[in-house]
Every structure is written in structure tokens, then in C-alpha cells.
């Protein structure tokens, strides 16, 4: 990289001993990157009167069809009331189907409908395009380092959930 980013990142300072200013710049970069990462899906969701909570639910139901409401609660880290509000909307709009568990009738298993899968595809296509372009620009070493940093920022429970998703999709 011949631009200013390379200079600010590789200015000869040991990256294990970042200054407060370098850390602040990293925090701000995360804020702005997240805005960019969510911008395209937010526009799509806004047209449907949905928010990011709907997007996250759709994403994880797609990743693990048949996941239980309790599992989704754990993955999303939201309150039961908040998730129920989101699920009620998605179910009533025909995007998610809730089925009673075969072994435990108290469990509710969640599946995307065809309409839900179509919306999930549209949302994830937008984010994949942005990620793909950023990864190509940054290169393979930066991508590996980025993933390492992201995983290191997760608390142990989140990291276990993330690893489980990577390994099984559930």
C-alpha cells in the first residue's frame, strides 16, 4: 500500500505497544467501517420497516435452520422480549416459520421461508460484495490479521459461539 494508511500503520512502532492515539484511531476506524458494512443492508431494511435486529435474526436463522429460540437468544445476546418482538414481525410477514420441537414440545425451531431466504440473500449479497472488495484491497496477510484481531476482541463465550458456527454452521 502506497497510501497514508500504510504509513500510519507501519510507522516503525512496535504494534504490541500502540499509543493511545493509535488505539483511538483504530476505534474510530471500527465505528466507520461498521457504518459502511451496515449501510447497504440498512437501506434495504428501511424500505421494509425492519432494523438491524431483524437482519441479525434472519442471518443466524439462515446459518442454522431449525435453531431454537433459546439458541438464537444466546447468539444474539438480546432479551427474550426484544427477540420475541422481532420474531413476531418476521413470522407475521411470512419470512420466518416457527415449528414445535419433535422431542420437546416447549421448544420452537426457526426456519426461513422462501421469502425469508430471498431477503437474507439480498442482505448478505450486499455485505459480501463490500467484504470481498475490502479483502481484495487489503490482501491475504491483512485479512488473516484482521480475523485474528476480531477473534481476540471477542469474550470467551462469544468466541466459543463463533467457533461453533464456523465448524458446524449452528
N, C-alpha and C. Protein backbone atom coordinates (compact mmCIF):
# COMPACT_ATOMS: atom_id res chain seq x y z
N UNK A 1 0.84 -1.18 0.00
CA UNK A 1 0.00 0.00 0.00
C UNK A 1 0.88 1.24 0.00
N UNK A 2 0.66 2.07 -0.95
CA UNK A 2 1.47 3.27 -1.04
C UNK A 2 0.76 4.49 -0.47
N UNK A 3 -0.42 4.30 0.05
CA UNK A 3 -1.16 5.45 0.57
C UNK A 3 -0.83 5.71 2.03
N UNK A 4 -1.51 6.68 2.63
CA UNK A 4 -1.25 7.10 4.00
C UNK A 4 -1.53 6.04 5.04
N UNK A 5 -2.40 5.09 4.71
CA UNK A 5 -2.72 4.05 5.70
C UNK A 5 -1.49 3.23 6.04
N UNK A 6 -0.70 2.91 5.04
CA UNK A 6 0.50 2.10 5.30
C UNK A 6 1.45 2.84 6.23
N UNK A 7 1.57 4.14 6.04
CA UNK A 7 2.47 4.92 6.89
C UNK A 7 1.98 4.97 8.33
N UNK A 8 0.68 5.17 8.51
CA UNK A 8 0.17 5.27 9.88
C UNK A 8 0.20 3.93 10.59
N UNK A 9 0.06 2.85 9.85
CA UNK A 9 0.08 1.53 10.46
C UNK A 9 1.51 1.05 10.68
N UNK A 10 2.37 1.27 9.71
CA UNK A 10 3.74 0.73 9.76
C UNK A 10 4.76 1.84 9.95
N UNK A 11 4.56 2.69 10.91
CA UNK A 11 5.46 3.82 11.09
C UNK A 11 6.69 3.44 11.91
N UNK A 12 7.00 2.17 11.99
CA UNK A 12 8.19 1.72 12.70
C UNK A 12 7.94 1.44 14.16
N UNK A 13 6.76 1.73 14.64
CA UNK A 13 6.46 1.47 16.05
C UNK A 13 6.05 0.02 16.22
N UNK A 14 6.42 -0.54 17.33
CA UNK A 14 6.06 -1.90 17.63
C UNK A 14 4.56 -1.97 17.88
N UNK A 15 3.84 -2.76 17.09
CA UNK A 15 2.39 -2.81 17.18
C UNK A 15 1.88 -3.41 18.49
N UNK A 16 2.77 -4.04 19.24
CA UNK A 16 2.35 -4.57 20.53
C UNK A 16 2.25 -3.45 21.58
N UNK A 17 2.82 -2.31 21.28
CA UNK A 17 2.83 -1.18 22.21
C UNK A 17 2.26 0.05 21.52
N UNK A 18 1.00 -0.02 21.18
CA UNK A 18 0.35 1.08 20.48
C UNK A 18 0.10 2.25 21.44
N UNK A 19 0.17 3.43 20.89
CA UNK A 19 -0.11 4.63 21.69
C UNK A 19 -1.63 4.77 21.83
N UNK A 20 -2.02 5.60 22.79
CA UNK A 20 -3.45 5.87 22.95
C UNK A 20 -4.04 6.46 21.68
N UNK A 21 -3.29 7.30 20.99
CA UNK A 21 -3.77 7.90 19.75
C UNK A 21 -3.97 6.83 18.67
N UNK A 22 -3.04 5.88 18.56
CA UNK A 22 -3.21 4.81 17.58
C UNK A 22 -4.42 3.94 17.91
N UNK A 23 -4.63 3.68 19.20
CA UNK A 23 -5.80 2.90 19.61
C UNK A 23 -7.09 3.68 19.31
N UNK A 24 -7.10 4.98 19.58
CA UNK A 24 -8.26 5.81 19.27
C UNK A 24 -8.57 5.76 17.79
N UNK A 25 -7.53 5.85 16.95
CA UNK A 25 -7.73 5.77 15.51
C UNK A 25 -8.31 4.42 15.11
N UNK A 26 -7.87 3.35 15.75
CA UNK A 26 -8.41 2.02 15.48
C UNK A 26 -9.87 1.92 15.88
N UNK A 27 -10.21 2.50 17.03
CA UNK A 27 -11.61 2.50 17.48
C UNK A 27 -12.48 3.26 16.50
N UNK A 28 -12.00 4.43 16.08
CA UNK A 28 -12.76 5.22 15.12
C UNK A 28 -12.89 4.51 13.78
N UNK A 29 -11.84 3.83 13.36
CA UNK A 29 -11.90 3.07 12.11
C UNK A 29 -12.97 1.98 12.21
N UNK A 30 -13.06 1.32 13.39
CA UNK A 30 -14.09 0.29 13.59
C UNK A 30 -15.49 0.90 13.47
N UNK A 31 -15.70 2.08 14.09
CA UNK A 31 -17.00 2.74 14.02
C UNK A 31 -17.38 3.03 12.56
N UNK A 32 -16.45 3.62 11.82
CA UNK A 32 -16.75 3.99 10.44
C UNK A 32 -16.88 2.76 9.54
N UNK A 33 -16.07 1.75 9.78
CA UNK A 33 -16.18 0.51 8.99
C UNK A 33 -17.53 -0.16 9.23
N UNK A 34 -17.98 -0.16 10.49
CA UNK A 34 -19.27 -0.76 10.80
C UNK A 34 -20.40 0.01 10.10
N UNK A 35 -20.29 1.33 10.07
CA UNK A 35 -21.28 2.13 9.35
C UNK A 35 -21.31 1.74 7.88
N UNK A 36 -20.14 1.57 7.29
CA UNK A 36 -20.09 1.16 5.89
C UNK A 36 -20.62 -0.24 5.68
N UNK A 37 -20.27 -1.15 6.59
CA UNK A 37 -20.68 -2.55 6.50
C UNK A 37 -22.20 -2.69 6.59
N UNK A 38 -22.84 -1.83 7.37
CA UNK A 38 -24.29 -1.93 7.58
C UNK A 38 -25.10 -1.00 6.68
N UNK A 39 -24.44 -0.11 5.95
CA UNK A 39 -25.15 0.91 5.17
C UNK A 39 -26.07 0.30 4.11
N UNK A 40 -25.57 -0.62 3.31
CA UNK A 40 -26.39 -1.20 2.24
C UNK A 40 -27.56 -2.00 2.81
N UNK A 41 -27.32 -2.92 3.75
CA UNK A 41 -28.47 -3.64 4.34
C UNK A 41 -29.46 -2.69 5.03
N UNK A 42 -28.95 -1.65 5.69
CA UNK A 42 -29.85 -0.71 6.37
C UNK A 42 -30.82 -0.07 5.39
N UNK A 43 -30.35 0.28 4.21
CA UNK A 43 -31.23 0.88 3.19
C UNK A 43 -32.32 -0.12 2.77
N UNK A 44 -31.92 -1.36 2.57
CA UNK A 44 -32.87 -2.41 2.18
C UNK A 44 -33.89 -2.63 3.30
N UNK A 45 -33.39 -2.74 4.53
CA UNK A 45 -34.25 -2.98 5.69
C UNK A 45 -35.20 -1.82 5.94
N UNK A 46 -34.71 -0.62 5.74
CA UNK A 46 -35.52 0.58 5.98
C UNK A 46 -36.74 0.59 5.07
N UNK A 47 -36.56 0.15 3.84
CA UNK A 47 -37.69 0.09 2.89
C UNK A 47 -38.77 -0.88 3.37
N UNK A 48 -38.38 -1.85 4.20
CA UNK A 48 -39.33 -2.85 4.71
C UNK A 48 -39.78 -2.56 6.14
N UNK A 49 -39.30 -1.45 6.69
CA UNK A 49 -39.59 -1.07 8.09
C UNK A 49 -39.01 -2.08 9.08
N UNK A 50 -37.85 -2.64 8.73
CA UNK A 50 -37.11 -3.54 9.62
C UNK A 50 -35.83 -2.84 10.07
N UNK A 51 -35.23 -3.39 11.12
CA UNK A 51 -33.99 -2.85 11.62
C UNK A 51 -32.91 -3.92 11.66
N UNK A 52 -31.79 -3.58 12.26
CA UNK A 52 -30.65 -4.49 12.33
C UNK A 52 -30.94 -5.75 13.14
N UNK A 53 -31.82 -5.64 14.13
CA UNK A 53 -32.18 -6.83 14.91
C UNK A 53 -32.87 -7.86 14.01
N UNK A 54 -33.70 -7.40 13.09
CA UNK A 54 -34.34 -8.30 12.14
C UNK A 54 -33.29 -8.96 11.25
N UNK A 55 -32.33 -8.15 10.82
CA UNK A 55 -31.26 -8.66 9.95
C UNK A 55 -30.46 -9.74 10.67
N UNK A 56 -30.07 -9.47 11.91
CA UNK A 56 -29.28 -10.46 12.65
C UNK A 56 -30.06 -11.75 12.85
N UNK A 57 -31.33 -11.64 13.18
CA UNK A 57 -32.15 -12.85 13.36
C UNK A 57 -32.22 -13.64 12.05
N UNK A 58 -32.50 -12.96 10.96
CA UNK A 58 -32.58 -13.62 9.65
C UNK A 58 -31.25 -14.28 9.31
N UNK A 59 -30.16 -13.57 9.56
CA UNK A 59 -28.83 -14.11 9.26
C UNK A 59 -28.58 -15.43 10.00
N UNK A 60 -28.80 -15.42 11.31
CA UNK A 60 -28.47 -16.61 12.09
C UNK A 60 -29.48 -17.74 11.92
N UNK A 61 -30.72 -17.43 11.63
CA UNK A 61 -31.68 -18.49 11.31
C UNK A 61 -31.27 -19.15 9.99
N UNK A 62 -30.80 -18.35 9.05
CA UNK A 62 -30.32 -18.90 7.78
C UNK A 62 -29.09 -19.77 7.99
N UNK A 63 -28.17 -19.34 8.85
CA UNK A 63 -26.94 -20.10 9.11
C UNK A 63 -27.21 -21.44 9.77
N UNK A 64 -28.29 -21.50 10.57
CA UNK A 64 -28.60 -22.73 11.31
C UNK A 64 -30.10 -22.99 11.27
N UNK A 65 -30.61 -23.44 10.10
CA UNK A 65 -32.05 -23.71 10.01
C UNK A 65 -32.48 -24.69 11.10
N UNK A 66 -33.59 -24.37 11.75
CA UNK A 66 -34.08 -25.22 12.83
C UNK A 66 -33.54 -24.84 14.18
N UNK A 67 -32.72 -23.78 14.23
CA UNK A 67 -32.20 -23.33 15.52
C UNK A 67 -33.37 -23.01 16.44
N UNK A 68 -33.15 -23.16 17.73
CA UNK A 68 -34.21 -22.87 18.68
C UNK A 68 -34.20 -21.39 19.04
N UNK A 69 -35.32 -20.95 19.58
CA UNK A 69 -35.41 -19.58 20.05
C UNK A 69 -34.36 -19.34 21.13
N UNK A 70 -34.16 -20.30 22.03
CA UNK A 70 -33.15 -20.13 23.09
C UNK A 70 -31.75 -20.02 22.52
N UNK A 71 -31.44 -20.80 21.51
CA UNK A 71 -30.12 -20.71 20.89
C UNK A 71 -29.93 -19.34 20.24
N UNK A 72 -30.97 -18.86 19.58
CA UNK A 72 -30.90 -17.55 18.94
C UNK A 72 -30.73 -16.45 19.99
N UNK A 73 -31.42 -16.59 21.12
CA UNK A 73 -31.25 -15.64 22.22
C UNK A 73 -29.79 -15.58 22.66
N UNK A 74 -29.17 -16.73 22.81
CA UNK A 74 -27.76 -16.79 23.23
C UNK A 74 -26.83 -16.20 22.18
N UNK A 75 -27.07 -16.51 20.93
CA UNK A 75 -26.22 -15.98 19.86
C UNK A 75 -26.30 -14.46 19.76
N UNK A 76 -27.51 -13.94 19.84
CA UNK A 76 -27.71 -12.51 19.65
C UNK A 76 -27.45 -11.69 20.90
N UNK A 77 -27.55 -12.33 22.06
CA UNK A 77 -27.32 -11.60 23.30
C UNK A 77 -28.35 -10.52 23.55
N UNK A 78 -29.60 -10.80 23.21
CA UNK A 78 -30.68 -9.83 23.41
C UNK A 78 -31.66 -10.40 24.43
N UNK A 79 -32.59 -9.56 24.87
CA UNK A 79 -33.60 -10.03 25.81
C UNK A 79 -34.65 -10.86 25.06
N UNK A 80 -35.32 -11.70 25.82
CA UNK A 80 -36.38 -12.52 25.26
C UNK A 80 -37.50 -11.64 24.67
N UNK A 81 -37.81 -10.56 25.38
CA UNK A 81 -38.86 -9.64 24.93
C UNK A 81 -38.48 -9.00 23.59
N UNK A 82 -37.24 -8.59 23.47
CA UNK A 82 -36.76 -7.96 22.24
C UNK A 82 -36.80 -8.96 21.08
N UNK A 83 -36.31 -10.18 21.32
CA UNK A 83 -36.31 -11.19 20.25
C UNK A 83 -37.73 -11.57 19.88
N UNK A 84 -38.61 -11.71 20.86
CA UNK A 84 -40.00 -12.07 20.55
C UNK A 84 -40.66 -11.02 19.67
N UNK A 85 -40.38 -9.76 19.93
CA UNK A 85 -40.94 -8.67 19.11
C UNK A 85 -40.46 -8.81 17.66
N UNK A 86 -39.17 -9.07 17.49
CA UNK A 86 -38.59 -9.23 16.14
C UNK A 86 -39.18 -10.47 15.46
N UNK A 87 -39.22 -11.59 16.18
CA UNK A 87 -39.72 -12.83 15.59
C UNK A 87 -41.20 -12.73 15.22
N UNK A 88 -41.99 -12.09 16.07
CA UNK A 88 -43.42 -11.92 15.76
C UNK A 88 -43.59 -11.21 14.41
N UNK A 89 -42.81 -10.17 14.20
CA UNK A 89 -42.89 -9.42 12.94
C UNK A 89 -42.46 -10.29 11.77
N UNK A 90 -41.33 -10.98 11.92
CA UNK A 90 -40.81 -11.80 10.82
C UNK A 90 -41.75 -12.96 10.50
N UNK A 91 -42.38 -13.52 11.52
CA UNK A 91 -43.32 -14.62 11.30
C UNK A 91 -44.60 -14.09 10.64
N UNK A 92 -45.12 -12.99 11.15
CA UNK A 92 -46.37 -12.45 10.58
C UNK A 92 -46.17 -11.95 9.15
N UNK A 93 -44.97 -11.53 8.82
CA UNK A 93 -44.68 -11.07 7.46
C UNK A 93 -44.29 -12.20 6.51
N UNK A 94 -44.30 -13.43 7.04
CA UNK A 94 -44.03 -14.60 6.19
C UNK A 94 -42.58 -14.85 5.86
N UNK A 95 -41.66 -14.35 6.69
CA UNK A 95 -40.22 -14.55 6.44
C UNK A 95 -39.64 -15.70 7.26
N UNK A 96 -40.24 -15.95 8.41
CA UNK A 96 -39.77 -16.99 9.32
C UNK A 96 -40.93 -17.89 9.69
N UNK A 97 -40.63 -19.16 9.82
CA UNK A 97 -41.61 -20.14 10.27
C UNK A 97 -41.12 -20.72 11.60
N UNK A 98 -42.02 -20.83 12.56
CA UNK A 98 -41.72 -21.41 13.86
C UNK A 98 -42.42 -22.76 13.96
N UNK A 99 -41.64 -23.81 14.27
CA UNK A 99 -42.21 -25.15 14.39
C UNK A 99 -41.97 -25.68 15.80
N UNK A 100 -42.95 -26.39 16.31
CA UNK A 100 -42.83 -27.00 17.64
C UNK A 100 -41.83 -28.14 17.55
N UNK A 101 -40.99 -28.26 18.60
CA UNK A 101 -39.98 -29.32 18.65
C UNK A 101 -40.59 -30.70 18.67
N UNK A 102 -39.93 -31.65 18.02
CA UNK A 102 -40.43 -33.03 18.00
C UNK A 102 -40.16 -33.73 19.32
N UNK A 103 -38.99 -33.49 19.90
CA UNK A 103 -38.63 -34.13 21.16
C UNK A 103 -39.11 -33.36 22.37
N UNK A 104 -39.09 -32.05 22.27
CA UNK A 104 -39.51 -31.19 23.37
C UNK A 104 -40.52 -30.20 22.83
N UNK A 105 -41.77 -30.40 23.18
CA UNK A 105 -42.86 -29.57 22.65
C UNK A 105 -42.77 -28.11 23.08
N UNK A 106 -41.95 -27.83 24.10
CA UNK A 106 -41.77 -26.44 24.55
C UNK A 106 -40.83 -25.67 23.63
N UNK A 107 -39.99 -26.38 22.91
CA UNK A 107 -39.04 -25.72 22.02
C UNK A 107 -39.71 -25.23 20.75
N UNK A 108 -39.22 -24.11 20.25
CA UNK A 108 -39.66 -23.57 18.97
C UNK A 108 -38.44 -23.53 18.05
N UNK A 109 -38.55 -24.23 16.93
CA UNK A 109 -37.46 -24.26 15.95
C UNK A 109 -37.79 -23.29 14.82
N UNK A 110 -36.79 -22.55 14.41
CA UNK A 110 -36.99 -21.45 13.46
C UNK A 110 -36.39 -21.78 12.10
N UNK A 111 -37.14 -21.45 11.06
CA UNK A 111 -36.71 -21.68 9.68
C UNK A 111 -37.09 -20.46 8.85
N UNK A 112 -36.26 -20.14 7.88
CA UNK A 112 -36.64 -19.09 6.93
C UNK A 112 -37.57 -19.69 5.88
N UNK A 113 -38.55 -18.92 5.48
CA UNK A 113 -39.40 -19.30 4.36
C UNK A 113 -38.65 -18.93 3.07
N UNK A 114 -39.23 -19.26 1.94
CA UNK A 114 -38.61 -18.85 0.67
C UNK A 114 -38.44 -17.34 0.62
N UNK A 115 -39.45 -16.62 1.07
CA UNK A 115 -39.39 -15.16 1.10
C UNK A 115 -38.28 -14.68 2.05
N UNK A 116 -38.11 -15.36 3.17
CA UNK A 116 -37.05 -15.03 4.13
C UNK A 116 -35.67 -15.30 3.56
N UNK A 117 -35.53 -16.43 2.87
CA UNK A 117 -34.23 -16.76 2.25
C UNK A 117 -33.88 -15.75 1.16
N UNK A 118 -34.90 -15.29 0.44
CA UNK A 118 -34.67 -14.29 -0.60
C UNK A 118 -34.16 -12.97 0.01
N UNK A 119 -34.79 -12.54 1.10
CA UNK A 119 -34.33 -11.31 1.76
C UNK A 119 -32.93 -11.50 2.34
N UNK A 120 -32.69 -12.64 2.96
CA UNK A 120 -31.36 -12.91 3.53
C UNK A 120 -30.31 -12.86 2.44
N UNK A 121 -30.61 -13.44 1.30
CA UNK A 121 -29.67 -13.45 0.17
C UNK A 121 -29.36 -12.03 -0.29
N UNK A 122 -30.38 -11.20 -0.40
CA UNK A 122 -30.20 -9.80 -0.82
C UNK A 122 -29.32 -9.05 0.18
N UNK A 123 -29.61 -9.22 1.47
CA UNK A 123 -28.82 -8.54 2.50
C UNK A 123 -27.38 -9.03 2.53
N UNK A 124 -27.20 -10.35 2.47
CA UNK A 124 -25.84 -10.87 2.57
C UNK A 124 -25.04 -10.61 1.29
N UNK A 125 -25.70 -10.58 0.14
CA UNK A 125 -25.00 -10.24 -1.12
C UNK A 125 -24.36 -8.85 -1.01
N UNK A 126 -25.11 -7.91 -0.44
CA UNK A 126 -24.59 -6.55 -0.28
C UNK A 126 -23.38 -6.54 0.65
N UNK A 127 -23.45 -7.26 1.74
CA UNK A 127 -22.31 -7.28 2.67
C UNK A 127 -21.14 -8.08 2.13
N UNK A 128 -21.42 -9.18 1.43
CA UNK A 128 -20.31 -9.95 0.84
C UNK A 128 -19.57 -9.13 -0.19
N UNK A 129 -20.29 -8.35 -0.99
CA UNK A 129 -19.64 -7.52 -2.01
C UNK A 129 -18.69 -6.53 -1.34
N UNK A 130 -19.13 -5.91 -0.26
CA UNK A 130 -18.28 -4.94 0.44
C UNK A 130 -17.07 -5.64 1.07
N UNK A 131 -17.31 -6.79 1.71
CA UNK A 131 -16.21 -7.54 2.34
C UNK A 131 -15.21 -8.03 1.29
N UNK A 132 -15.74 -8.56 0.19
CA UNK A 132 -14.87 -9.08 -0.87
C UNK A 132 -13.97 -7.97 -1.41
N UNK A 133 -14.53 -6.80 -1.67
CA UNK A 133 -13.74 -5.68 -2.18
C UNK A 133 -12.68 -5.25 -1.17
N UNK A 134 -13.06 -5.17 0.10
CA UNK A 134 -12.10 -4.76 1.14
C UNK A 134 -11.00 -5.81 1.29
N UNK A 135 -11.36 -7.08 1.29
CA UNK A 135 -10.36 -8.15 1.42
C UNK A 135 -9.39 -8.14 0.24
N UNK A 136 -9.91 -7.95 -0.96
CA UNK A 136 -9.04 -7.90 -2.14
C UNK A 136 -8.05 -6.75 -2.04
N UNK A 137 -8.55 -5.59 -1.61
CA UNK A 137 -7.69 -4.41 -1.49
C UNK A 137 -6.63 -4.61 -0.42
N UNK A 138 -7.01 -5.23 0.69
CA UNK A 138 -6.09 -5.38 1.82
C UNK A 138 -5.07 -6.50 1.61
N UNK A 139 -5.45 -7.57 0.95
CA UNK A 139 -4.55 -8.68 0.72
C UNK A 139 -4.67 -9.76 1.79
N UNK A 140 -4.15 -10.96 1.46
CA UNK A 140 -4.35 -12.13 2.33
C UNK A 140 -3.74 -12.00 3.73
N UNK A 141 -2.59 -11.38 3.85
CA UNK A 141 -1.98 -11.24 5.18
C UNK A 141 -2.81 -10.32 6.07
N UNK A 142 -3.30 -9.24 5.49
CA UNK A 142 -4.14 -8.31 6.25
C UNK A 142 -5.45 -8.98 6.65
N UNK A 143 -6.02 -9.78 5.76
CA UNK A 143 -7.27 -10.48 6.07
C UNK A 143 -7.06 -11.42 7.24
N UNK A 144 -5.98 -12.19 7.21
CA UNK A 144 -5.69 -13.12 8.32
C UNK A 144 -5.48 -12.35 9.62
N UNK A 145 -4.77 -11.24 9.55
CA UNK A 145 -4.54 -10.42 10.74
C UNK A 145 -5.84 -9.81 11.26
N UNK A 146 -6.69 -9.37 10.36
CA UNK A 146 -7.98 -8.79 10.73
C UNK A 146 -8.83 -9.82 11.47
N UNK A 147 -8.89 -11.03 10.94
CA UNK A 147 -9.65 -12.10 11.59
C UNK A 147 -9.10 -12.40 12.98
N UNK A 148 -7.78 -12.41 13.10
CA UNK A 148 -7.15 -12.66 14.39
C UNK A 148 -7.53 -11.57 15.39
N UNK A 149 -7.48 -10.32 14.96
CA UNK A 149 -7.85 -9.20 15.83
C UNK A 149 -9.31 -9.31 16.25
N UNK A 150 -10.19 -9.58 15.30
CA UNK A 150 -11.62 -9.69 15.63
C UNK A 150 -11.86 -10.79 16.65
N UNK A 151 -11.25 -11.95 16.46
CA UNK A 151 -11.44 -13.05 17.41
C UNK A 151 -10.85 -12.71 18.77
N UNK A 152 -9.73 -12.00 18.78
CA UNK A 152 -9.11 -11.62 20.06
C UNK A 152 -9.98 -10.61 20.82
N UNK A 153 -10.81 -9.85 20.12
CA UNK A 153 -11.68 -8.88 20.77
C UNK A 153 -12.93 -9.53 21.38
N UNK A 154 -13.24 -10.75 20.96
CA UNK A 154 -14.42 -11.43 21.48
C UNK A 154 -14.16 -11.95 22.89
N UNK A 155 -15.18 -11.89 23.75
CA UNK A 155 -15.01 -12.54 25.04
C UNK A 155 -15.10 -14.06 24.81
N UNK A 156 -14.74 -14.84 25.81
CA UNK A 156 -14.60 -16.29 25.61
C UNK A 156 -15.90 -16.95 25.17
N UNK A 157 -17.04 -16.52 25.71
CA UNK A 157 -18.32 -17.11 25.32
C UNK A 157 -18.65 -16.81 23.86
N UNK A 158 -18.40 -15.56 23.44
CA UNK A 158 -18.64 -15.19 22.04
C UNK A 158 -17.71 -15.97 21.12
N UNK A 159 -16.47 -16.13 21.53
CA UNK A 159 -15.51 -16.86 20.71
C UNK A 159 -15.94 -18.31 20.55
N UNK A 160 -16.47 -18.92 21.62
CA UNK A 160 -16.97 -20.30 21.53
C UNK A 160 -18.15 -20.37 20.56
N UNK A 161 -19.06 -19.43 20.65
CA UNK A 161 -20.21 -19.41 19.72
C UNK A 161 -19.73 -19.24 18.28
N UNK A 162 -18.78 -18.34 18.09
CA UNK A 162 -18.23 -18.10 16.75
C UNK A 162 -17.55 -19.36 16.21
N UNK A 163 -16.75 -20.02 17.04
CA UNK A 163 -16.07 -21.24 16.61
C UNK A 163 -17.08 -22.33 16.25
N UNK A 164 -18.14 -22.45 17.05
CA UNK A 164 -19.18 -23.43 16.78
C UNK A 164 -19.85 -23.15 15.44
N UNK A 165 -20.11 -21.88 15.16
CA UNK A 165 -20.71 -21.51 13.87
C UNK A 165 -19.77 -21.86 12.72
N UNK A 166 -18.49 -21.58 12.90
CA UNK A 166 -17.52 -21.88 11.84
C UNK A 166 -17.46 -23.37 11.57
N UNK A 167 -17.51 -24.17 12.63
CA UNK A 167 -17.35 -25.62 12.50
C UNK A 167 -18.60 -26.31 12.01
N UNK A 168 -19.76 -25.89 12.51
CA UNK A 168 -20.98 -26.65 12.23
C UNK A 168 -22.04 -25.87 11.48
N UNK A 169 -21.92 -24.55 11.49
CA UNK A 169 -22.97 -23.74 10.90
C UNK A 169 -24.15 -23.56 11.85
N UNK A 170 -24.04 -24.10 13.06
CA UNK A 170 -25.16 -23.98 14.04
C UNK A 170 -24.71 -23.33 15.31
